[in-house]
Amino acid sequence: MDGTEKIHSELEACLKKINSAKLGSLDQAVIDTLDKISAGATGLGMDQGKKLIDNLSAVLKNFKEGKSNEDSVSLRLTAIEFYLKNTRGEASTEEI
């Protein structure tokens, strides 16, 4: 498994945790995991992926502080899911 595949797998696992939990019950560990994944994406030149991950992380932090709403989190989750779908697999070897 190369670095990009590892980032994708880690991100998918993190998204599953977020989707299966109630947003209000998400702990800091999920946000910390996103930040670690973002750092890994930086090292691999996955600039668009890093932006999306950082955006989700920031919105989750804001949500926990009551400064953002569930729709904003949902929008970011959808964007990352779309990103993963379109950057994974044989047909896609480059980030879009």
N, C-alpha and C. Protein backbone atom coordinates (compact mmCIF):
# COMPACT_ATOMS: atom_id res chain seq x y z
N MET A 1 0.85 -1.17 0.00
CA MET A 1 0.00 0.00 0.00
C MET A 1 0.90 1.24 0.00
N ASP A 2 0.71 2.09 -0.99
CA ASP A 2 1.52 3.30 -1.04
C ASP A 2 0.95 4.36 -0.11
N GLY A 3 1.64 5.48 0.00
CA GLY A 3 1.25 6.54 0.92
C GLY A 3 -0.12 7.11 0.65
N THR A 4 -0.44 7.30 -0.62
CA THR A 4 -1.73 7.87 -0.97
C THR A 4 -2.86 6.92 -0.57
N GLU A 5 -2.68 5.64 -0.83
CA GLU A 5 -3.69 4.65 -0.45
C GLU A 5 -3.86 4.61 1.06
N LYS A 6 -2.75 4.74 1.78
CA LYS A 6 -2.81 4.73 3.24
C LYS A 6 -3.60 5.95 3.74
N ILE A 7 -3.34 7.11 3.17
CA ILE A 7 -4.08 8.32 3.55
C ILE A 7 -5.57 8.12 3.27
N HIS A 8 -5.89 7.58 2.11
CA HIS A 8 -7.29 7.34 1.76
C HIS A 8 -7.94 6.39 2.77
N SER A 9 -7.26 5.30 3.12
CA SER A 9 -7.81 4.33 4.06
C SER A 9 -8.02 4.94 5.44
N GLU A 10 -7.03 5.70 5.90
CA GLU A 10 -7.15 6.34 7.21
C GLU A 10 -8.28 7.37 7.22
N LEU A 11 -8.40 8.10 6.14
CA LEU A 11 -9.45 9.11 6.04
C LEU A 11 -10.83 8.45 5.99
N GLU A 12 -10.95 7.37 5.24
CA GLU A 12 -12.23 6.65 5.18
C GLU A 12 -12.61 6.12 6.55
N ALA A 13 -11.65 5.58 7.30
CA ALA A 13 -11.93 5.08 8.64
C ALA A 13 -12.38 6.21 9.57
N CYS A 14 -11.75 7.35 9.45
CA CYS A 14 -12.12 8.50 10.26
C CYS A 14 -13.52 8.99 9.90
N LEU A 15 -13.83 9.02 8.62
CA LEU A 15 -15.16 9.44 8.19
C LEU A 15 -16.24 8.49 8.71
N LYS A 16 -15.93 7.21 8.75
CA LYS A 16 -16.89 6.24 9.29
C LYS A 16 -17.18 6.53 10.75
N LYS A 17 -16.12 6.87 11.50
CA LYS A 17 -16.32 7.22 12.91
C LYS A 17 -17.21 8.45 13.05
N ILE A 18 -16.96 9.45 12.22
CA ILE A 18 -17.74 10.68 12.27
C ILE A 18 -19.19 10.40 11.89
N ASN A 19 -19.40 9.63 10.84
CA ASN A 19 -20.75 9.34 10.36
C ASN A 19 -21.53 8.45 11.32
N SER A 20 -20.84 7.58 12.06
CA SER A 20 -21.54 6.67 12.95
C SER A 20 -21.81 7.28 14.32
N ALA A 21 -21.14 8.35 14.65
CA ALA A 21 -21.33 9.01 15.95
C ALA A 21 -22.27 10.19 15.80
N LYS A 22 -22.84 10.58 16.89
CA LYS A 22 -23.58 11.84 16.90
C LYS A 22 -22.54 12.95 16.95
N LEU A 23 -22.74 13.98 16.15
CA LEU A 23 -21.75 15.05 16.07
C LEU A 23 -21.44 15.66 17.43
N GLY A 24 -22.44 15.81 18.25
CA GLY A 24 -22.22 16.39 19.57
C GLY A 24 -21.37 15.53 20.47
N SER A 25 -21.25 14.24 20.14
CA SER A 25 -20.47 13.34 20.99
C SER A 25 -19.07 13.06 20.45
N LEU A 26 -18.70 13.70 19.35
CA LEU A 26 -17.35 13.49 18.81
C LEU A 26 -16.32 14.02 19.79
N ASP A 27 -15.28 13.25 19.98
CA ASP A 27 -14.24 13.71 20.90
C ASP A 27 -13.06 14.31 20.14
N GLN A 28 -12.17 14.89 20.88
CA GLN A 28 -11.01 15.56 20.31
C GLN A 28 -10.12 14.59 19.53
N ALA A 29 -10.16 13.32 19.88
CA ALA A 29 -9.32 12.32 19.21
C ALA A 29 -9.63 12.25 17.71
N VAL A 30 -10.88 12.41 17.33
CA VAL A 30 -11.25 12.37 15.91
C VAL A 30 -10.63 13.57 15.19
N ILE A 31 -10.69 14.72 15.81
CA ILE A 31 -10.11 15.92 15.21
C ILE A 31 -8.59 15.78 15.13
N ASP A 32 -7.98 15.22 16.18
CA ASP A 32 -6.53 15.00 16.17
C ASP A 32 -6.14 14.03 15.05
N THR A 33 -6.97 13.01 14.83
CA THR A 33 -6.71 12.06 13.75
C THR A 33 -6.77 12.76 12.40
N LEU A 34 -7.77 13.61 12.21
CA LEU A 34 -7.85 14.37 10.96
C LEU A 34 -6.61 15.23 10.75
N ASP A 35 -6.12 15.85 11.83
CA ASP A 35 -4.93 16.69 11.72
C ASP A 35 -3.70 15.87 11.34
N LYS A 36 -3.60 14.64 11.86
CA LYS A 36 -2.48 13.76 11.49
C LYS A 36 -2.58 13.33 10.03
N ILE A 37 -3.79 13.03 9.60
CA ILE A 37 -3.99 12.65 8.19
C ILE A 37 -3.63 13.82 7.29
N SER A 38 -4.01 15.01 7.70
CA SER A 38 -3.69 16.22 6.93
C SER A 38 -2.18 16.39 6.78
N ALA A 39 -1.46 16.16 7.86
CA ALA A 39 0.00 16.28 7.81
C ALA A 39 0.59 15.26 6.84
N GLY A 40 0.04 14.05 6.84
CA GLY A 40 0.49 13.03 5.89
C GLY A 40 0.18 13.41 4.46
N ALA A 41 -0.96 14.03 4.25
CA ALA A 41 -1.34 14.47 2.90
C ALA A 41 -0.38 15.54 2.40
N THR A 42 0.06 16.40 3.30
CA THR A 42 1.01 17.44 2.94
C THR A 42 2.30 16.82 2.42
N GLY A 43 2.78 15.82 3.12
CA GLY A 43 4.02 15.16 2.73
C GLY A 43 3.94 14.46 1.39
N LEU A 44 2.74 14.13 0.96
CA LEU A 44 2.54 13.44 -0.32
C LEU A 44 2.13 14.38 -1.45
N GLY A 45 2.03 15.67 -1.14
CA GLY A 45 1.64 16.63 -2.15
C GLY A 45 0.17 16.58 -2.50
N MET A 46 -0.65 16.08 -1.58
CA MET A 46 -2.09 15.99 -1.80
C MET A 46 -2.73 17.30 -1.33
N ASP A 47 -2.45 18.36 -2.06
CA ASP A 47 -2.86 19.70 -1.65
C ASP A 47 -4.37 19.86 -1.51
N GLN A 48 -5.12 19.38 -2.47
CA GLN A 48 -6.58 19.51 -2.41
C GLN A 48 -7.14 18.68 -1.26
N GLY A 49 -6.63 17.48 -1.10
CA GLY A 49 -7.07 16.65 0.02
C GLY A 49 -6.78 17.30 1.35
N LYS A 50 -5.59 17.88 1.49
CA LYS A 50 -5.24 18.58 2.73
C LYS A 50 -6.20 19.72 3.01
N LYS A 51 -6.53 20.50 1.99
CA LYS A 51 -7.47 21.62 2.18
C LYS A 51 -8.82 21.13 2.67
N LEU A 52 -9.31 20.05 2.08
CA LEU A 52 -10.60 19.51 2.48
C LEU A 52 -10.57 18.96 3.90
N ILE A 53 -9.50 18.26 4.24
CA ILE A 53 -9.36 17.70 5.58
C ILE A 53 -9.26 18.81 6.61
N ASP A 54 -8.45 19.83 6.33
CA ASP A 54 -8.30 20.95 7.25
C ASP A 54 -9.63 21.69 7.43
N ASN A 55 -10.37 21.82 6.33
CA ASN A 55 -11.66 22.49 6.39
C ASN A 55 -12.62 21.71 7.29
N LEU A 56 -12.67 20.39 7.13
CA LEU A 56 -13.53 19.57 7.97
C LEU A 56 -13.11 19.66 9.43
N SER A 57 -11.82 19.58 9.67
CA SER A 57 -11.32 19.67 11.04
C SER A 57 -11.72 20.99 11.70
N ALA A 58 -11.56 22.08 10.97
CA ALA A 58 -11.92 23.40 11.50
C ALA A 58 -13.42 23.50 11.79
N VAL A 59 -14.25 22.96 10.90
CA VAL A 59 -15.69 23.02 11.09
C VAL A 59 -16.11 22.15 12.28
N LEU A 60 -15.46 21.00 12.45
CA LEU A 60 -15.77 20.15 13.60
C LEU A 60 -15.40 20.86 14.90
N LYS A 61 -14.26 21.53 14.92
CA LYS A 61 -13.86 22.30 16.11
C LYS A 61 -14.89 23.38 16.39
N ASN A 62 -15.29 24.10 15.35
CA ASN A 62 -16.30 25.15 15.51
C ASN A 62 -17.64 24.59 15.97
N PHE A 63 -18.01 23.42 15.45
CA PHE A 63 -19.26 22.78 15.85
C PHE A 63 -19.24 22.44 17.33
N LYS A 64 -18.12 21.89 17.79
CA LYS A 64 -17.99 21.54 19.20
C LYS A 64 -18.09 22.77 20.09
N GLU A 65 -17.66 23.92 19.56
CA GLU A 65 -17.71 25.17 20.32
C GLU A 65 -19.03 25.92 20.13
N GLY A 66 -19.93 25.36 19.33
CA GLY A 66 -21.22 25.98 19.09
C GLY A 66 -21.17 27.11 18.07
N LYS A 67 -20.10 27.17 17.28
CA LYS A 67 -19.93 28.25 16.30
C LYS A 67 -20.27 27.83 14.88
N SER A 68 -20.72 26.60 14.70
CA SER A 68 -21.06 26.09 13.38
C SER A 68 -22.26 25.17 13.53
N ASN A 69 -22.89 24.83 12.41
CA ASN A 69 -24.07 23.97 12.48
C ASN A 69 -23.83 22.63 11.79
N GLU A 70 -24.76 21.74 11.97
CA GLU A 70 -24.65 20.38 11.43
C GLU A 70 -24.60 20.37 9.90
N ASP A 71 -25.32 21.29 9.26
CA ASP A 71 -25.31 21.35 7.80
C ASP A 71 -23.91 21.67 7.26
N SER A 72 -23.20 22.52 7.97
CA SER A 72 -21.85 22.88 7.56
C SER A 72 -20.92 21.66 7.63
N VAL A 73 -21.07 20.88 8.69
CA VAL A 73 -20.27 19.65 8.83
C VAL A 73 -20.64 18.68 7.72
N SER A 74 -21.93 18.52 7.47
CA SER A 74 -22.40 17.60 6.44
C SER A 74 -21.86 17.96 5.06
N LEU A 75 -21.83 19.24 4.77
CA LEU A 75 -21.30 19.70 3.49
C LEU A 75 -19.84 19.31 3.33
N ARG A 76 -19.06 19.49 4.38
CA ARG A 76 -17.62 19.14 4.33
C ARG A 76 -17.42 17.64 4.20
N LEU A 77 -18.25 16.86 4.90
CA LEU A 77 -18.16 15.40 4.77
C LEU A 77 -18.46 14.97 3.34
N THR A 78 -19.46 15.55 2.74
CA THR A 78 -19.81 15.22 1.36
C THR A 78 -18.67 15.57 0.41
N ALA A 79 -18.04 16.71 0.63
CA ALA A 79 -16.91 17.12 -0.22
C ALA A 79 -15.77 16.12 -0.13
N ILE A 80 -15.45 15.67 1.08
CA ILE A 80 -14.35 14.70 1.24
C ILE A 80 -14.73 13.36 0.64
N GLU A 81 -15.97 12.93 0.81
CA GLU A 81 -16.40 11.67 0.21
C GLU A 81 -16.30 11.73 -1.32
N PHE A 82 -16.69 12.85 -1.89
CA PHE A 82 -16.58 13.04 -3.34
C PHE A 82 -15.11 13.00 -3.75
N TYR A 83 -14.27 13.68 -3.01
CA TYR A 83 -12.83 13.70 -3.27
C TYR A 83 -12.26 12.28 -3.26
N LEU A 84 -12.59 11.51 -2.22
CA LEU A 84 -12.09 10.14 -2.13
C LEU A 84 -12.57 9.30 -3.30
N LYS A 85 -13.84 9.43 -3.64
CA LYS A 85 -14.40 8.65 -4.74
C LYS A 85 -13.69 8.96 -6.06
N ASN A 86 -13.32 10.21 -6.26
CA ASN A 86 -12.75 10.62 -7.53
C ASN A 86 -11.23 10.60 -7.58
N THR A 87 -10.58 10.26 -6.50
CA THR A 87 -9.12 10.18 -6.52
C THR A 87 -8.62 8.78 -6.21
N ARG A 88 -9.51 7.83 -6.11
CA ARG A 88 -9.12 6.47 -5.79
C ARG A 88 -9.40 5.56 -6.97
N GLY A 89 -8.57 4.57 -7.11
CA GLY A 89 -8.82 3.56 -8.12
C GLY A 89 -7.88 3.65 -9.30
N GLU A 90 -8.01 2.70 -10.18
CA GLU A 90 -7.12 2.60 -11.33
C GLU A 90 -7.23 3.79 -12.28
N ALA A 91 -8.43 4.30 -12.44
CA ALA A 91 -8.64 5.38 -13.41
C ALA A 91 -8.07 6.71 -12.93
N SER A 92 -7.82 6.81 -11.63
CA SER A 92 -7.36 8.08 -11.10
C SER A 92 -6.04 7.89 -10.37
N THR A 93 -4.97 8.33 -10.97
CA THR A 93 -3.66 8.21 -10.34
C THR A 93 -3.18 9.57 -9.84
N GLU A 94 -3.88 10.61 -10.21
CA GLU A 94 -3.50 11.95 -9.79
C GLU A 94 -4.63 12.59 -9.03
N GLU A 95 -4.25 13.49 -8.16
CA GLU A 95 -5.24 14.25 -7.43
C GLU A 95 -5.91 15.25 -8.35
N ILE A 96 -7.21 15.44 -8.18
CA ILE A 96 -7.92 16.43 -8.98
C ILE A 96 -8.16 17.68 -8.20
